Amino acid sequence: MNTLAYLARRIVQIPVVLIVTTLTIFIVVRATPGDPVELMLGMQTSPDAVQAVREKFHLDKPLYQQYLIWLGDVIRGDLGSSIRLNRPVSQMLGERLIVSLQLATAAMLFALLISIPLGIVAAIWRNTWVDYGATGYMVLGFSIPNFALALILIYVFAVELDWFPISGIGSSTSRGGGVWAFVSPFILPAVALGTVQTAYFGRLLRSSMIDVLGQDYIRTAHAKGLKPAVVIAVHALKNAMIPFVTMVAIHFGYMIGIQITIEYIFAIPGMGLAVLTAVVNRDFPVVQGFTLVIAIFFLVTNIIADVLYTFLDPRIRY
C-alpha cells in the first residue's frame, strides 16, 4: 500500500512538472528572434494574409492568452497544428515518435549488452589489464562525439566495407523487406548513439560492483562455499543494479531528445529532426507539442525505475 501511495503522489506531481516545463518552453521559443508567419509567407506577402494567419494560430493575442489557449487545447487532446506545414501536431507525432522510440531502444540495447559485462569484469578483475582495457574503452566512449563516431562508422562500415546501409529507417523498404532489411539500418545509428551510454553505464556499474563486492554478506556467501558465478550473479549484481537502473531510466528518456545529430546524419525521420526543423522555422506548436511528449516520456521512465527498485531490493519501501 505504501508503494501505491508513493506512486499516487508521483502521478499527482506530473501535471505540475509538465506545466512548468511547457511554460518554460513557451517563453523560450517566443523569446528567440524571427516571425514564423513571415518565415512561412515571405516578406512580400500582403498584410491581410499575414493577419489572417496570425488570427488562425492565435498569434495576434497576448502571450498569456496564447499559452492558456494552447493549454486548454492540450487538456482536450489537441496539440494544435504546424504553422509551417499546416498539419496536426498529433499526426506528425504519431509518425515520428515510433521511429525515435525504435532508435532509442536499439541504442539502449547496444549500451546494455556492452556496459553490463564490461562493468562486471572491470570490477571483478580491478587494477588488472582487463580493468585498464575496459576503463580505456569507457574513456574513449566519453571522448568521441556521437556525430564524429557516426561519420567514422559510415566511412568504414557503409562506404568501405559496404556491410550496412547509411539510411533507410522508417522507409517502406525496411518495413517490407524482411527482418534484416528492418534491423540493418538501425545498427550504425544505434552504435553511434549508444557508445557514450556504454561509457556512462559501464563506469557506474563498475563502481557499484566494487562497493558491493566489499560488503560482509558477499564474504559470507564465499565462506559458505557458493560458486563465484552464483555470488556475482545472484548476490552482488542484483544490489549493484539499483543505481544502474536509475541511470538507464534517465538516459532512455534523455536519448529521445538527443538524437538530433544522429537523425540528421542518417536521414532518420524522428522527433529530434522534427524539433530542429521546427526551431529553425519558429514553428511554435510543433516545438511545444514534441517537447511536452518528451517530458511525459522522461517522467514515466523515472517512475518505472522507482517501481523496479522494490523488485531489485525488497528492503526498499516507499
Protein backbone atom coordinates (compact mmCIF):
# COMPACT_ATOMS: atom_id res chain seq x y z
CA MET A 1 0.00 0.00 0.00
CA ASN A 2 2.92 2.36 0.74
CA THR A 3 4.23 1.84 -2.79
CA LEU A 4 0.80 2.60 -4.25
CA ALA A 5 0.56 5.77 -2.17
CA TYR A 6 4.01 6.81 -3.35
CA LEU A 7 3.06 6.22 -6.98
CA ALA A 8 -0.14 8.20 -6.48
CA ARG A 9 1.88 11.14 -5.15
CA ARG A 10 4.26 10.95 -8.08
CA ILE A 11 1.41 10.82 -10.57
CA VAL A 12 -0.22 13.85 -8.93
CA GLN A 13 3.07 15.76 -9.34
CA ILE A 14 3.23 15.09 -13.09
CA PRO A 15 0.79 17.88 -14.16
CA VAL A 16 2.72 20.45 -12.11
CA VAL A 17 6.02 19.43 -13.68
CA LEU A 18 4.51 19.48 -17.16
CA ILE A 19 3.03 22.95 -16.65
CA VAL A 20 6.40 24.31 -15.55
CA THR A 21 8.11 22.58 -18.49
CA THR A 22 5.64 23.76 -21.12
CA LEU A 23 5.60 27.30 -19.72
CA THR A 24 9.40 27.43 -19.86
CA ILE A 25 9.47 26.15 -23.45
CA PHE A 26 6.66 28.54 -24.40
CA ILE A 27 8.64 31.53 -23.12
CA VAL A 28 11.97 30.41 -24.59
CA VAL A 29 10.73 29.72 -28.14
CA ARG A 30 8.90 33.03 -28.28
CA ALA A 31 11.91 34.93 -26.95
CA THR A 32 14.00 33.83 -29.94
CA PRO A 33 14.09 36.29 -32.86
CA GLY A 34 12.10 35.58 -36.01
CA ASP A 35 8.47 35.66 -37.01
CA PRO A 36 7.03 32.25 -38.03
CA VAL A 37 4.40 33.83 -40.26
CA GLU A 38 6.94 35.92 -42.17
CA LEU A 39 9.25 32.92 -42.48
CA MET A 40 6.42 30.88 -43.97
CA LEU A 41 4.81 33.50 -46.24
CA GLY A 42 7.82 35.66 -47.07
CA MET A 43 8.39 39.39 -46.70
CA GLN A 44 6.39 40.33 -49.82
CA THR A 45 3.08 38.88 -48.60
CA SER A 46 0.16 41.26 -48.15
CA PRO A 47 -0.62 42.44 -44.59
CA ASP A 48 -4.10 40.93 -44.83
CA ALA A 49 -2.71 37.46 -45.47
CA VAL A 50 -0.25 37.82 -42.61
CA GLN A 51 -3.02 38.94 -40.27
CA ALA A 52 -5.24 36.03 -41.30
CA VAL A 53 -2.53 33.50 -40.47
CA ARG A 54 -1.83 35.22 -37.15
CA GLU A 55 -5.50 35.02 -36.22
CA LYS A 56 -5.70 31.35 -37.24
CA PHE A 57 -2.85 30.40 -34.91
CA HIS A 58 -3.81 32.98 -32.20
CA LEU A 59 -0.51 34.82 -32.68
CA ASP A 60 -2.35 38.15 -32.58
CA LYS A 61 -3.26 37.67 -28.93
CA PRO A 62 -1.14 38.46 -25.83
CA LEU A 63 1.33 35.78 -24.79
CA TYR A 64 -0.54 34.71 -21.68
CA GLN A 65 -3.70 34.17 -23.74
CA GLN A 66 -1.75 32.18 -26.33
CA TYR A 67 -0.45 29.90 -23.59
CA LEU A 68 -3.86 29.46 -21.94
CA ILE A 69 -5.48 28.67 -25.31
CA TRP A 70 -2.78 26.12 -26.11
CA LEU A 71 -3.00 24.58 -22.62
CA GLY A 72 -6.78 24.28 -22.93
CA ASP A 73 -6.42 22.55 -26.29
CA VAL A 74 -3.83 20.13 -24.83
CA ILE A 75 -6.19 19.19 -22.00
CA ARG A 76 -8.79 18.33 -24.66
CA GLY A 77 -6.19 16.22 -26.50
CA ASP A 78 -5.41 18.74 -29.27
CA LEU A 79 -1.73 19.65 -29.68
CA GLY A 80 -2.50 22.19 -32.39
CA SER A 81 -1.33 22.39 -35.99
CA SER A 82 2.03 23.12 -37.52
CA ILE A 83 2.33 26.72 -38.72
CA ARG A 84 4.78 25.72 -41.41
CA LEU A 85 3.15 22.53 -42.70
CA ASN A 86 -0.45 23.14 -41.63
CA ARG A 87 -0.67 19.58 -40.33
CA PRO A 88 -1.91 18.40 -36.91
CA VAL A 89 0.97 18.08 -34.47
CA SER A 90 -0.51 14.85 -33.11
CA GLN A 91 -0.37 13.34 -36.62
CA MET A 92 3.26 14.34 -37.04
CA LEU A 93 3.98 12.99 -33.57
CA GLY A 94 2.38 9.65 -34.38
CA GLU A 95 4.60 9.30 -37.45
CA ARG A 96 7.86 10.27 -35.76
CA LEU A 97 7.56 9.04 -32.16
CA ILE A 98 7.65 5.38 -33.13
CA VAL A 99 10.83 5.96 -35.17
CA SER A 100 12.56 7.75 -32.28
CA LEU A 101 11.50 5.06 -29.82
CA GLN A 102 12.86 2.35 -32.11
CA LEU A 103 16.20 4.13 -32.42
CA ALA A 104 16.42 4.84 -28.68
CA THR A 105 15.57 1.21 -27.90
CA ALA A 106 18.19 -0.08 -30.32
CA ALA A 107 20.84 2.26 -28.88
CA MET A 108 19.89 1.30 -25.32
CA LEU A 109 20.07 -2.44 -26.11
CA PHE A 110 23.54 -1.94 -27.57
CA ALA A 111 24.60 0.06 -24.50
CA LEU A 112 23.30 -2.58 -22.07
CA LEU A 113 24.82 -5.51 -23.97
CA ILE A 114 28.24 -3.85 -23.83
CA SER A 115 28.20 -1.99 -20.50
CA ILE A 116 26.89 -4.75 -18.19
CA PRO A 117 29.59 -7.37 -18.92
CA LEU A 118 32.16 -4.58 -19.22
CA GLY A 119 31.33 -3.19 -15.77
CA ILE A 120 31.24 -6.65 -14.18
CA VAL A 121 34.61 -7.86 -15.50
CA ALA A 122 36.23 -4.48 -14.71
CA ALA A 123 35.04 -4.75 -11.10
CA ILE A 124 35.99 -8.42 -10.64
CA TRP A 125 39.49 -8.00 -12.10
CA ARG A 126 40.03 -4.43 -10.96
CA ASN A 127 43.53 -2.96 -11.23
CA THR A 128 44.47 -5.57 -13.83
CA TRP A 129 44.93 -5.28 -17.57
CA VAL A 130 41.26 -6.26 -18.00
CA ASP A 131 40.17 -3.32 -15.85
CA TYR A 132 42.57 -0.96 -17.61
CA GLY A 133 41.30 -2.07 -21.03
CA ALA A 134 37.66 -1.64 -20.00
CA THR A 135 38.37 1.75 -18.45
CA GLY A 136 40.22 2.82 -21.60
CA TYR A 137 37.19 1.92 -23.71
CA MET A 138 34.96 3.94 -21.36
CA VAL A 139 37.21 6.99 -21.59
CA LEU A 140 37.21 6.65 -25.38
CA GLY A 141 33.43 6.44 -25.36
CA PHE A 142 33.24 9.68 -23.38
CA SER A 143 35.73 11.43 -25.62
CA ILE A 144 34.32 10.86 -29.12
CA PRO A 145 31.25 12.97 -30.01
CA ASN A 146 28.42 10.88 -31.41
CA PHE A 147 28.37 12.78 -34.73
CA ALA A 148 32.10 12.15 -35.24
CA LEU A 149 31.66 8.47 -34.40
CA ALA A 150 28.72 8.33 -36.81
CA LEU A 151 30.85 9.67 -39.67
CA ILE A 152 33.63 7.17 -38.88
CA LEU A 153 31.16 4.28 -38.83
CA ILE A 154 29.63 5.39 -42.11
CA TYR A 155 33.00 5.61 -43.82
CA VAL A 156 34.29 2.25 -42.53
CA PHE A 157 31.23 0.01 -42.48
CA ALA A 158 28.97 1.60 -45.11
CA VAL A 159 31.35 3.12 -47.67
CA GLU A 160 34.48 0.94 -47.50
CA LEU A 161 33.09 -2.44 -46.35
CA ASP A 162 29.50 -1.95 -47.57
CA TRP A 163 28.13 -4.01 -44.66
CA PHE A 164 25.32 -1.72 -43.53
CA PRO A 165 23.14 0.92 -45.21
CA ILE A 166 23.58 4.59 -44.36
CA SER A 167 19.85 5.32 -44.27
CA GLY A 168 16.53 3.52 -44.52
CA ILE A 169 14.92 3.76 -41.08
CA GLY A 170 11.20 4.39 -41.46
CA SER A 171 11.19 3.70 -45.21
CA SER A 172 8.81 1.33 -46.96
CA THR A 173 11.75 -0.87 -47.97
CA SER A 174 12.78 -1.50 -44.36
CA ARG A 175 9.20 -2.30 -43.36
CA GLY A 176 8.55 -4.81 -46.11
CA GLY A 177 11.93 -6.36 -46.86
CA GLY A 178 12.28 -8.88 -44.06
CA VAL A 179 13.98 -8.86 -40.66
CA TRP A 180 17.45 -7.91 -41.88
CA ALA A 181 16.09 -5.09 -44.05
CA PHE A 182 14.36 -3.71 -40.95
CA VAL A 183 17.24 -4.20 -38.49
CA SER A 184 20.29 -3.27 -40.61
CA PRO A 185 19.56 0.48 -40.90
CA PHE A 186 19.45 0.71 -37.08
CA ILE A 187 22.89 -0.78 -36.43
CA LEU A 188 25.18 2.15 -37.25
CA PRO A 189 22.91 4.84 -35.71
CA ALA A 190 22.41 2.71 -32.59
CA VAL A 191 26.17 2.22 -32.13
CA ALA A 192 26.86 5.93 -32.71
CA LEU A 193 24.14 6.97 -30.26
CA GLY A 194 24.71 4.26 -27.66
CA THR A 195 28.51 4.28 -27.36
CA VAL A 196 28.62 7.17 -24.92
CA GLN A 197 25.89 5.44 -22.89
CA THR A 198 28.09 2.34 -22.60
CA ALA A 199 30.75 4.55 -21.03
CA TYR A 200 28.29 6.04 -18.51
CA PHE A 201 26.73 2.72 -17.61
CA GLY A 202 30.00 0.78 -17.55
CA ARG A 203 31.70 3.18 -15.15
CA LEU A 204 28.66 3.33 -12.90
CA LEU A 205 28.25 -0.46 -12.76
CA ARG A 206 31.99 -0.95 -12.14
CA SER A 207 31.92 1.47 -9.22
CA SER A 208 28.73 -0.04 -7.80
CA MET A 209 30.01 -3.60 -8.15
CA ILE A 210 33.30 -2.76 -6.40
CA ASP A 211 31.33 -1.30 -3.50
CA VAL A 212 29.02 -4.33 -3.27
CA LEU A 213 31.82 -6.89 -3.57
CA GLY A 214 33.41 -5.40 -0.45
CA GLN A 215 30.30 -5.96 1.70
CA ASP A 216 30.16 -8.50 4.52
CA TYR A 217 27.35 -10.56 3.02
CA ILE A 218 29.46 -11.18 -0.09
CA ARG A 219 32.32 -12.52 2.05
CA THR A 220 29.78 -14.66 3.93
CA ALA A 221 28.47 -16.08 0.65
CA HIS A 222 32.02 -17.02 -0.38
CA ALA A 223 32.65 -18.55 3.07
CA LYS A 224 29.57 -20.74 2.67
CA GLY A 225 31.14 -22.26 -0.42
CA LEU A 226 28.85 -20.77 -3.03
CA LYS A 227 30.21 -20.74 -6.55
CA PRO A 228 31.76 -17.40 -7.59
CA ALA A 229 29.37 -17.13 -10.52
CA VAL A 230 26.38 -17.52 -8.16
CA VAL A 231 27.76 -14.91 -5.77
CA ILE A 232 28.30 -12.43 -8.61
CA ALA A 233 25.03 -13.01 -10.45
CA VAL A 234 22.61 -13.54 -7.56
CA HIS A 235 24.01 -11.59 -4.63
CA ALA A 236 26.32 -8.87 -5.97
CA LEU A 237 24.85 -7.87 -9.33
CA LYS A 238 21.27 -7.57 -8.08
CA ASN A 239 22.19 -4.97 -5.47
CA ALA A 240 24.66 -3.21 -7.74
CA MET A 241 21.91 -2.71 -10.32
CA ILE A 242 19.90 -0.26 -8.17
CA PRO A 243 21.80 2.93 -9.16
CA PHE A 244 22.31 1.40 -12.60
CA VAL A 245 18.54 1.18 -13.18
CA THR A 246 18.17 4.84 -12.24
CA MET A 247 20.78 5.88 -14.78
CA VAL A 248 19.27 3.69 -17.51
CA ALA A 249 15.81 5.18 -16.96
CA ILE A 250 17.13 8.74 -17.02
CA HIS A 251 19.21 8.18 -20.13
CA PHE A 252 16.47 6.35 -22.01
CA GLY A 253 14.19 9.35 -21.62
CA TYR A 254 17.12 11.65 -22.36
CA MET A 255 18.02 9.79 -25.56
CA ILE A 256 14.69 10.69 -27.14
CA GLY A 257 15.77 14.32 -27.08
CA ILE A 258 19.45 13.99 -28.08
CA GLN A 259 19.03 12.16 -31.37
CA ILE A 260 19.09 15.33 -33.47
CA THR A 261 22.58 14.99 -34.93
CA ILE A 262 22.25 11.23 -35.46
CA GLU A 263 18.87 11.64 -37.14
CA TYR A 264 20.27 14.39 -39.36
CA ILE A 265 23.35 12.40 -40.41
CA PHE A 266 21.43 9.18 -41.13
CA ALA A 267 18.33 10.92 -42.56
CA ILE A 268 16.07 9.43 -39.89
CA PRO A 269 12.53 10.89 -39.78
CA GLY A 270 12.38 11.07 -35.99
CA MET A 271 11.37 13.57 -33.32
CA GLY A 272 14.78 15.18 -32.96
CA LEU A 273 14.96 16.19 -36.62
CA ALA A 274 11.38 17.47 -36.49
CA VAL A 275 12.12 19.62 -33.43
CA LEU A 276 15.27 21.01 -35.07
CA THR A 277 13.32 21.95 -38.20
CA ALA A 278 10.54 23.47 -36.09
CA VAL A 279 13.01 25.59 -34.11
CA VAL A 280 14.62 26.90 -37.30
CA ASN A 281 11.19 27.76 -38.74
CA ARG A 282 9.85 29.08 -35.40
CA ASP A 283 7.05 26.53 -35.66
CA PHE A 284 5.81 27.04 -32.09
CA PRO A 285 3.08 24.34 -31.91
CA VAL A 286 5.46 21.61 -33.09
CA VAL A 287 8.18 22.58 -30.60
CA GLN A 288 5.69 22.78 -27.72
CA GLY A 289 3.89 19.54 -28.61
CA PHE A 290 7.00 17.46 -29.15
CA THR A 291 8.67 18.86 -26.00
CA LEU A 292 5.58 18.00 -23.98
CA VAL A 293 5.67 14.39 -25.15
CA ILE A 294 9.41 14.11 -24.43
CA ALA A 295 8.83 15.46 -20.90
CA ILE A 296 6.00 12.96 -20.30
CA PHE A 297 8.17 10.12 -21.53
CA PHE A 298 11.02 11.23 -19.26
CA LEU A 299 8.74 11.35 -16.20
CA VAL A 300 7.20 7.94 -16.93
CA THR A 301 10.59 6.23 -17.29
CA ASN A 302 11.67 7.64 -13.92
CA ILE A 303 8.52 6.37 -12.22
CA ILE A 304 9.08 2.93 -13.74
CA ALA A 305 12.64 2.98 -12.36
CA ASP A 306 11.30 3.74 -8.87
CA VAL A 307 8.95 0.76 -9.10
CA LEU A 308 11.76 -1.54 -10.23
CA TYR A 309 13.73 -0.67 -7.08
CA THR A 310 11.29 -2.66 -4.94
CA PHE A 311 11.85 -5.75 -7.10
CA LEU A 312 15.64 -5.45 -7.09
CA ASP A 313 15.87 -4.81 -3.33
CA PRO A 314 12.93 -5.94 -1.14
CA ARG A 315 14.27 -3.74 1.67
CA ILE A 316 13.23 -0.62 -0.27
CA ARG A 317 9.77 0.55 0.69
CA TYR A 318 8.03 3.84 -0.07
